[in-house]
Amino acid sequence: MKRPVLDYKRYISIEPGKRGGKPCIRGLRITVYDVLDYLASGMSASEILKDFPDLTLKDIKACLAFAADRERKLVAIPTR
């Protein structure tokens, strides 16, 4: 059974003058890329939350939902 996906649009904002227009979390200067990079490097969600007390677990889940949605929208390259 597929679980409902978190509505990341409530957590992710894009502002042209902030962090070069990269997607940020709730208007903070922490980008989605930052959070994904921390997770990819092996940091746990609890370690990220400890280092960045302005973030919540829902913020981290919103970053994952944002990345999943972006991946889903990518155009597949045809194979031969």
PDB file of N, CA and C in Angstrom:
ATOM      1  N   MET A   1       0.842  -1.184   0.000  1.00  0.00           N
ATOM      2  CA  MET A   1       0.000   0.000   0.000  1.00  0.00           C
ATOM      3  C   MET A   1       0.887   1.247   0.000  1.00  0.00           C
ATOM      4  N   LYS A   2       0.632   2.128  -0.927  1.00  0.00           N
ATOM      5  CA  LYS A   2       1.425   3.351  -1.043  1.00  0.00           C
ATOM      6  C   LYS A   2       0.950   4.392  -0.022  1.00  0.00           C
ATOM      7  N   ARG A   3       1.905   4.948   0.698  1.00  0.00           N
ATOM      8  CA  ARG A   3       1.588   5.985   1.681  1.00  0.00           C
ATOM      9  C   ARG A   3       1.437   7.329   0.984  1.00  0.00           C
ATOM     10  N   PRO A   4       0.617   8.217   1.543  1.00  0.00           N
ATOM     11  CA  PRO A   4       0.518   9.557   0.951  1.00  0.00           C
ATOM     12  C   PRO A   4       1.852  10.297   1.084  1.00  0.00           C
ATOM     13  N   VAL A   5       2.201  11.016   0.056  1.00  0.00           N
ATOM     14  CA  VAL A   5       3.464  11.770   0.037  1.00  0.00           C
ATOM     15  C   VAL A   5       3.259  13.105   0.754  1.00  0.00           C
ATOM     16  N   LEU A   6       4.255  13.479   1.539  1.00  0.00           N
ATOM     17  CA  LEU A   6       4.221  14.754   2.255  1.00  0.00           C
ATOM     18  C   LEU A   6       4.138  15.907   1.247  1.00  0.00           C
ATOM     19  N   ASP A   7       3.282  16.871   1.506  1.00  0.00           N
ATOM     20  CA  ASP A   7       3.155  18.036   0.635  1.00  0.00           C
ATOM     21  C   ASP A   7       4.338  18.973   0.886  1.00  0.00           C
ATOM     22  N   TYR A   8       5.425  18.737   0.153  1.00  0.00           N
ATOM     23  CA  TYR A   8       6.661  19.490   0.388  1.00  0.00           C
ATOM     24  C   TYR A   8       6.513  20.976   0.072  1.00  0.00           C
ATOM     25  N   LYS A   9       5.518  21.359  -0.700  1.00  0.00           N
ATOM     26  CA  LYS A   9       5.362  22.768  -1.090  1.00  0.00           C
ATOM     27  C   LYS A   9       5.077  23.665   0.117  1.00  0.00           C
ATOM     28  N   ARG A  10       4.635  23.073   1.209  1.00  0.00           N
ATOM     29  CA  ARG A  10       4.407  23.848   2.439  1.00  0.00           C
ATOM     30  C   ARG A  10       5.715  24.130   3.160  1.00  0.00           C
ATOM     31  N   TYR A  11       6.776  23.409   2.804  1.00  0.00           N
ATOM     32  CA  TYR A  11       8.053  23.504   3.518  1.00  0.00           C
ATOM     33  C   TYR A  11       9.196  24.058   2.676  1.00  0.00           C
ATOM     34  N   ILE A  12       9.100  23.926   1.358  1.00  0.00           N
ATOM     35  CA  ILE A  12      10.181  24.314   0.464  1.00  0.00           C
ATOM     36  C   ILE A  12       9.806  25.610  -0.242  1.00  0.00           C
ATOM     37  N   SER A  13      10.714  26.570  -0.214  1.00  0.00           N
ATOM     38  CA  SER A  13      10.463  27.847  -0.895  1.00  0.00           C
ATOM     39  C   SER A  13      11.635  28.170  -1.818  1.00  0.00           C
ATOM     40  N   ILE A  14      11.325  28.900  -2.865  1.00  0.00           N
ATOM     41  CA  ILE A  14      12.357  29.341  -3.805  1.00  0.00           C
ATOM     42  C   ILE A  14      12.236  30.855  -3.930  1.00  0.00           C
ATOM     43  N   GLU A  15      13.296  31.551  -3.511  1.00  0.00           N
ATOM     44  CA  GLU A  15      13.324  33.010  -3.564  1.00  0.00           C
ATOM     45  C   GLU A  15      14.545  33.424  -4.385  1.00  0.00           C
ATOM     46  N   PRO A  16      14.343  34.201  -5.440  1.00  0.00           N
ATOM     47  CA  PRO A  16      15.457  34.564  -6.329  1.00  0.00           C
ATOM     48  C   PRO A  16      16.666  35.161  -5.612  1.00  0.00           C
ATOM     49  N   GLY A  17      16.481  35.940  -4.575  1.00  0.00           N
ATOM     50  CA  GLY A  17      17.596  36.602  -3.907  1.00  0.00           C
ATOM     51  C   GLY A  17      18.222  35.805  -2.773  1.00  0.00           C
ATOM     52  N   LYS A  18      17.737  34.611  -2.525  1.00  0.00           N
ATOM     53  CA  LYS A  18      18.250  33.817  -1.405  1.00  0.00           C
ATOM     54  C   LYS A  18      18.920  32.554  -1.921  1.00  0.00           C
ATOM     55  N   ARG A  19      20.197  32.381  -1.547  1.00  0.00           N
ATOM     56  CA  ARG A  19      20.985  31.213  -1.917  1.00  0.00           C
ATOM     57  C   ARG A  19      20.934  30.938  -3.431  1.00  0.00           C
ATOM     58  N   GLY A  20      20.955  32.022  -4.206  1.00  0.00           N
ATOM     59  CA  GLY A  20      20.993  31.898  -5.662  1.00  0.00           C
ATOM     60  C   GLY A  20      19.732  31.317  -6.265  1.00  0.00           C
ATOM     61  N   GLY A  21      18.622  31.422  -5.557  1.00  0.00           N
ATOM     62  CA  GLY A  21      17.361  30.905  -6.070  1.00  0.00           C
ATOM     63  C   GLY A  21      17.194  29.407  -5.897  1.00  0.00           C
ATOM     64  N   LYS A  22      18.077  28.783  -5.119  1.00  0.00           N
ATOM     65  CA  LYS A  22      17.962  27.343  -4.868  1.00  0.00           C
ATOM     66  C   LYS A  22      16.814  27.083  -3.896  1.00  0.00           C
ATOM     67  N   PRO A  23      16.193  25.922  -3.988  1.00  0.00           N
ATOM     68  CA  PRO A  23      15.106  25.585  -3.061  1.00  0.00           C
ATOM     69  C   PRO A  23      15.613  25.543  -1.621  1.00  0.00           C
ATOM     70  N   CYS A  24      14.963  26.311  -0.756  1.00  0.00           N
ATOM     71  CA  CYS A  24      15.336  26.388   0.659  1.00  0.00           C
ATOM     72  C   CYS A  24      14.184  25.890   1.527  1.00  0.00           C
ATOM     73  N   ILE A  25      14.501  25.606   2.754  1.00  0.00           N
ATOM     74  CA  ILE A  25      13.514  25.102   3.695  1.00  0.00           C
ATOM     75  C   ILE A  25      12.888  26.264   4.453  1.00  0.00           C
ATOM     76  N   ARG A  26      11.589  26.411   4.296  1.00  0.00           N
ATOM     77  CA  ARG A  26      10.787  27.429   5.000  1.00  0.00           C
ATOM     78  C   ARG A  26      11.406  28.817   5.025  1.00  0.00           C
ATOM     79  N   GLY A  27      12.023  29.215   3.957  1.00  0.00           N
ATOM     80  CA  GLY A  27      12.595  30.551   3.887  1.00  0.00           C
ATOM     81  C   GLY A  27      13.914  30.697   4.616  1.00  0.00           C
ATOM     82  N   LEU A  28      14.395  29.638   5.239  1.00  0.00           N
ATOM     83  CA  LEU A  28      15.693  29.678   5.904  1.00  0.00           C
ATOM     84  C   LEU A  28      16.792  29.666   4.841  1.00  0.00           C
ATOM     85  N   ARG A  29      18.013  29.804   5.256  1.00  0.00           N
ATOM     86  CA  ARG A  29      19.119  29.767   4.307  1.00  0.00           C
ATOM     87  C   ARG A  29      19.702  28.353   4.171  1.00  0.00           C
ATOM     88  N   ILE A  30      18.943  27.369   4.574  1.00  0.00           N
ATOM     89  CA  ILE A  30      19.344  25.966   4.451  1.00  0.00           C
ATOM     90  C   ILE A  30      18.658  25.406   3.213  1.00  0.00           C
ATOM     91  N   THR A  31      19.458  24.928   2.265  1.00  0.00           N
ATOM     92  CA  THR A  31      18.876  24.443   1.012  1.00  0.00           C
ATOM     93  C   THR A  31      18.509  22.962   1.102  1.00  0.00           C
ATOM     94  N   VAL A  32      17.634  22.570   0.189  1.00  0.00           N
ATOM     95  CA  VAL A  32      17.283  21.162   0.047  1.00  0.00           C
ATOM     96  C   VAL A  32      18.555  20.371  -0.245  1.00  0.00           C
ATOM     97  N   TYR A  33      19.398  20.918  -1.114  1.00  0.00           N
ATOM     98  CA  TYR A  33      20.658  20.250  -1.445  1.00  0.00           C
ATOM     99  C   TYR A  33      21.497  20.003  -0.193  1.00  0.00           C
ATOM    100  N   ASP A  34      21.578  20.985   0.686  1.00  0.00           N
ATOM    101  CA  ASP A  34      22.365  20.826   1.917  1.00  0.00           C
ATOM    102  C   ASP A  34      21.892  19.599   2.690  1.00  0.00           C
ATOM    103  N   VAL A  35      20.587  19.513   2.907  1.00  0.00           N
ATOM    104  CA  VAL A  35      20.023  18.418   3.693  1.00  0.00           C
ATOM    105  C   VAL A  35      20.255  17.084   2.996  1.00  0.00           C
ATOM    106  N   LEU A  36      20.013  17.026   1.691  1.00  0.00           N
ATOM    107  CA  LEU A  36      20.227  15.778   0.948  1.00  0.00           C
ATOM    108  C   LEU A  36      21.692  15.369   0.981  1.00  0.00           C
ATOM    109  N   ASP A  37      22.576  16.340   0.888  1.00  0.00           N
ATOM    110  CA  ASP A  37      24.011  16.054   0.933  1.00  0.00           C
ATOM    111  C   ASP A  37      24.421  15.501   2.297  1.00  0.00           C
ATOM    112  N   TYR A  38      23.863  16.068   3.370  1.00  0.00           N
ATOM    113  CA  TYR A  38      24.157  15.557   4.713  1.00  0.00           C
ATOM    114  C   TYR A  38      23.676  14.113   4.852  1.00  0.00           C
ATOM    115  N   LEU A  39      22.468  13.843   4.371  1.00  0.00           N
ATOM    116  CA  LEU A  39      21.937  12.479   4.438  1.00  0.00           C
ATOM    117  C   LEU A  39      22.793  11.520   3.613  1.00  0.00           C
ATOM    118  N   ALA A  40      23.180  11.951   2.417  1.00  0.00           N
ATOM    119  CA  ALA A  40      23.994  11.103   1.533  1.00  0.00           C
ATOM    120  C   ALA A  40      25.368  10.831   2.125  1.00  0.00           C
ATOM    121  N   SER A  41      25.878  11.758   2.925  1.00  0.00           N
ATOM    122  CA  SER A  41      27.201  11.568   3.521  1.00  0.00           C
ATOM    123  C   SER A  41      27.156  10.676   4.764  1.00  0.00           C
ATOM    124  N   GLY A  42      25.944  10.263   5.146  1.00  0.00           N
ATOM    125  CA  GLY A  42      25.816   9.344   6.269  1.00  0.00           C
ATOM    126  C   GLY A  42      25.264   9.934   7.543  1.00  0.00           C
ATOM    127  N   MET A  43      24.983  11.228   7.551  1.00  0.00           N
ATOM    128  CA  MET A  43      24.385  11.820   8.751  1.00  0.00           C
ATOM    129  C   MET A  43      22.964  11.296   8.913  1.00  0.00           C
ATOM    130  N   SER A  44      22.573  11.052  10.136  1.00  0.00           N
ATOM    131  CA  SER A  44      21.195  10.648  10.401  1.00  0.00           C
ATOM    132  C   SER A  44      20.327  11.904  10.521  1.00  0.00           C
ATOM    133  N   ALA A  45      19.029  11.695  10.428  1.00  0.00           N
ATOM    134  CA  ALA A  45      18.111  12.826  10.595  1.00  0.00           C
ATOM    135  C   ALA A  45      18.291  13.463  11.965  1.00  0.00           C
ATOM    136  N   SER A  46      18.490  12.641  12.991  1.00  0.00           N
ATOM    137  CA  SER A  46      18.655  13.213  14.340  1.00  0.00           C
ATOM    138  C   SER A  46      19.940  14.020  14.464  1.00  0.00           C
ATOM    139  N   GLU A  47      20.999  13.608  13.763  1.00  0.00           N
ATOM    140  CA  GLU A  47      22.243  14.389  13.782  1.00  0.00           C
ATOM    141  C   GLU A  47      22.046  15.738  13.082  1.00  0.00           C
ATOM    142  N   ILE A  48      21.317  15.724  11.979  1.00  0.00           N
ATOM    143  CA  ILE A  48      21.040  16.979  11.258  1.00  0.00           C
ATOM    144  C   ILE A  48      20.214  17.910  12.139  1.00  0.00           C
ATOM    145  N   LEU A  49      19.201  17.369  12.781  1.00  0.00           N
ATOM    146  CA  LEU A  49      18.351  18.188  13.652  1.00  0.00           C
ATOM    147  C   LEU A  49      19.136  18.750  14.832  1.00  0.00           C
ATOM    148  N   LYS A  50      20.094  18.004  15.312  1.00  0.00           N
ATOM    149  CA  LYS A  50      20.933  18.486  16.421  1.00  0.00           C
ATOM    150  C   LYS A  50      21.823  19.643  15.958  1.00  0.00           C
ATOM    151  N   ASP A  51      22.380  19.512  14.746  1.00  0.00           N
ATOM    152  CA  ASP A  51      23.253  20.561  14.203  1.00  0.00           C
ATOM    153  C   ASP A  51      22.483  21.790  13.727  1.00  0.00           C
ATOM    154  N   PHE A  52      21.231  21.595  13.326  1.00  0.00           N
ATOM    155  CA  PHE A  52      20.403  22.687  12.798  1.00  0.00           C
ATOM    156  C   PHE A  52      19.069  22.712  13.549  1.00  0.00           C
ATOM    157  N   PRO A  53      19.044  23.303  14.730  1.00  0.00           N
ATOM    158  CA  PRO A  53      17.839  23.268  15.570  1.00  0.00           C
ATOM    159  C   PRO A  53      16.622  23.975  14.965  1.00  0.00           C
ATOM    160  N   ASP A  54      16.823  24.790  13.925  1.00  0.00           N
ATOM    161  CA  ASP A  54      15.677  25.431  13.267  1.00  0.00           C
ATOM    162  C   ASP A  54      14.896  24.444  12.406  1.00  0.00           C
ATOM    163  N   LEU A  55      15.509  23.311  12.076  1.00  0.00           N
ATOM    164  CA  LEU A  55      14.852  22.317  11.231  1.00  0.00           C
ATOM    165  C   LEU A  55      14.000  21.372  12.063  1.00  0.00           C
ATOM    166  N   THR A  56      13.028  20.756  11.387  1.00  0.00           N
ATOM    167  CA  THR A  56      12.193  19.722  11.996  1.00  0.00           C
ATOM    168  C   THR A  56      12.304  18.457  11.154  1.00  0.00           C
ATOM    169  N   LEU A  57      11.821  17.364  11.704  1.00  0.00           N
ATOM    170  CA  LEU A  57      11.821  16.114  10.949  1.00  0.00           C
ATOM    171  C   LEU A  57      10.966  16.248   9.692  1.00  0.00           C
ATOM    172  N   LYS A  58       9.878  17.002   9.767  1.00  0.00           N
ATOM    173  CA  LYS A  58       9.041  17.220   8.575  1.00  0.00           C
ATOM    174  C   LYS A  58       9.808  17.988   7.497  1.00  0.00           C
ATOM    175  N   ASP A  59      10.691  18.895   7.892  1.00  0.00           N
ATOM    176  CA  ASP A  59      11.520  19.607   6.916  1.00  0.00           C
ATOM    177  C   ASP A  59      12.399  18.618   6.151  1.00  0.00           C
ATOM    178  N   ILE A  60      12.996  17.686   6.879  1.00  0.00           N
ATOM    179  CA  ILE A  60      13.868  16.691   6.243  1.00  0.00           C
ATOM    180  C   ILE A  60      13.058  15.799   5.315  1.00  0.00           C
ATOM    181  N   LYS A  61      11.882  15.376   5.764  1.00  0.00           N
ATOM    182  CA  LYS A  61      11.014  14.557   4.914  1.00  0.00           C
ATOM    183  C   LYS A  61      10.548  15.340   3.688  1.00  0.00           C
ATOM    184  N   ALA A  62      10.334  16.638   3.850  1.00  0.00           N
ATOM    185  CA  ALA A  62       9.942  17.476   2.711  1.00  0.00           C
ATOM    186  C   ALA A  62      11.058  17.529   1.677  1.00  0.00           C
ATOM    187  N   CYS A  63      12.303  17.569   2.130  1.00  0.00           N
ATOM    188  CA  CYS A  63      13.440  17.554   1.197  1.00  0.00           C
ATOM    189  C   CYS A  63      13.457  16.258   0.393  1.00  0.00           C
ATOM    190  N   LEU A  64      13.208  15.149   1.067  1.00  0.00           N
ATOM    191  CA  LEU A  64      13.168  13.856   0.373  1.00  0.00           C
ATOM    192  C   LEU A  64      11.997  13.795  -0.604  1.00  0.00           C
ATOM    193  N   ALA A  65      10.840  14.308  -0.200  1.00  0.00           N
ATOM    194  CA  ALA A  65       9.673  14.320  -1.085  1.00  0.00           C
ATOM    195  C   ALA A  65       9.925  15.219  -2.293  1.00  0.00           C
ATOM    196  N   PHE A  66      10.577  16.355  -2.070  1.00  0.00           N
ATOM    197  CA  PHE A  66      10.924  17.274  -3.163  1.00  0.00           C
ATOM    198  C   PHE A  66      11.839  16.567  -4.168  1.00  0.00           C
ATOM    199  N   ALA A  67      12.872  15.893  -3.653  1.00  0.00           N
ATOM    200  CA  ALA A  67      13.815  15.188  -4.529  1.00  0.00           C
ATOM    201  C   ALA A  67      13.129  14.060  -5.285  1.00  0.00           C
ATOM    202  N   ALA A  68      12.256  13.330  -4.617  1.00  0.00           N
ATOM    203  CA  ALA A  68      11.529  12.245  -5.276  1.00  0.00           C
ATOM    204  C   ALA A  68      10.630  12.780  -6.379  1.00  0.00           C
ATOM    205  N   ASP A  69       9.959  13.888  -6.109  1.00  0.00           N
ATOM    206  CA  ASP A  69       9.078  14.481  -7.116  1.00  0.00           C
ATOM    207  C   ASP A  69       9.881  14.984  -8.311  1.00  0.00           C
ATOM    208  N   ARG A  70      11.011  15.594  -8.052  1.00  0.00           N
ATOM    209  CA  ARG A  70      11.874  16.090  -9.133  1.00  0.00           C
ATOM    210  C   ARG A  70      12.380  14.915  -9.984  1.00  0.00           C
ATOM    211  N   GLU A  71      12.763  13.844  -9.339  1.00  0.00           N
ATOM    212  CA  GLU A  71      13.227  12.647 -10.048  1.00  0.00           C
ATOM    213  C   GLU A  71      12.099  12.055 -10.890  1.00  0.00           C
ATOM    214  N   ARG A  72      10.913  12.024 -10.332  1.00  0.00           N
ATOM    215  CA  ARG A  72       9.757  11.481 -11.045  1.00  0.00           C
ATOM    216  C   ARG A  72       9.466  12.277 -12.316  1.00  0.00           C
ATOM    217  N   LYS A  73       9.755  13.570 -12.292  1.00  0.00           N
ATOM    218  CA  LYS A  73       9.448  14.444 -13.431  1.00  0.00           C
ATOM    219  C   LYS A  73      10.545  14.464 -14.495  1.00  0.00           C
ATOM    220  N   LEU A  74      11.699  13.846 -14.203  1.00  0.00           N
ATOM    221  CA  LEU A  74      12.779  13.814 -15.194  1.00  0.00           C
ATOM    222  C   LEU A  74      12.363  13.029 -16.423  1.00  0.00           C
ATOM    223  N   VAL A  75      12.825  13.468 -17.558  1.00  0.00           N
ATOM    224  CA  VAL A  75      12.547  12.780 -18.801  1.00  0.00           C
ATOM    225  C   VAL A  75      13.533  11.613 -18.927  1.00  0.00           C
ATOM    226  N   ALA A  76      12.995  10.457 -19.215  1.00  0.00           N
ATOM    227  CA  ALA A  76      13.855   9.287 -19.390  1.00  0.00           C
ATOM    228  C   ALA A  76      14.571   9.359 -20.725  1.00  0.00           C
ATOM    229  N   ILE A  77      15.816   8.948 -20.744  1.00  0.00           N
ATOM    230  CA  ILE A  77      16.611   8.909 -21.978  1.00  0.00           C
ATOM    231  C   ILE A  77      16.366   7.546 -22.624  1.00  0.00           C
ATOM    232  N   PRO A  78      15.897   7.555 -23.855  1.00  0.00           N
ATOM    233  CA  PRO A  78      15.613   6.269 -24.506  1.00  0.00           C
ATOM    234  C   PRO A  78      16.889   5.445 -24.694  1.00  0.00           C
ATOM    235  N   THR A  79      16.743   4.151 -24.527  1.00  0.00           N
ATOM    236  CA  THR A  79      17.876   3.255 -24.757  1.00  0.00           C
ATOM    237  C   THR A  79      17.749   2.633 -26.133  1.00  0.00           C
ATOM    238  N   ARG A  80      18.844   2.145 -26.643  1.00  0.00           N
ATOM    239  CA  ARG A  80      18.813   1.555 -27.984  1.00  0.00           C
ATOM    240  C   ARG A  80      18.309   0.152 -27.964  1.00  0.00           C
TER     241      ARG A  80
END
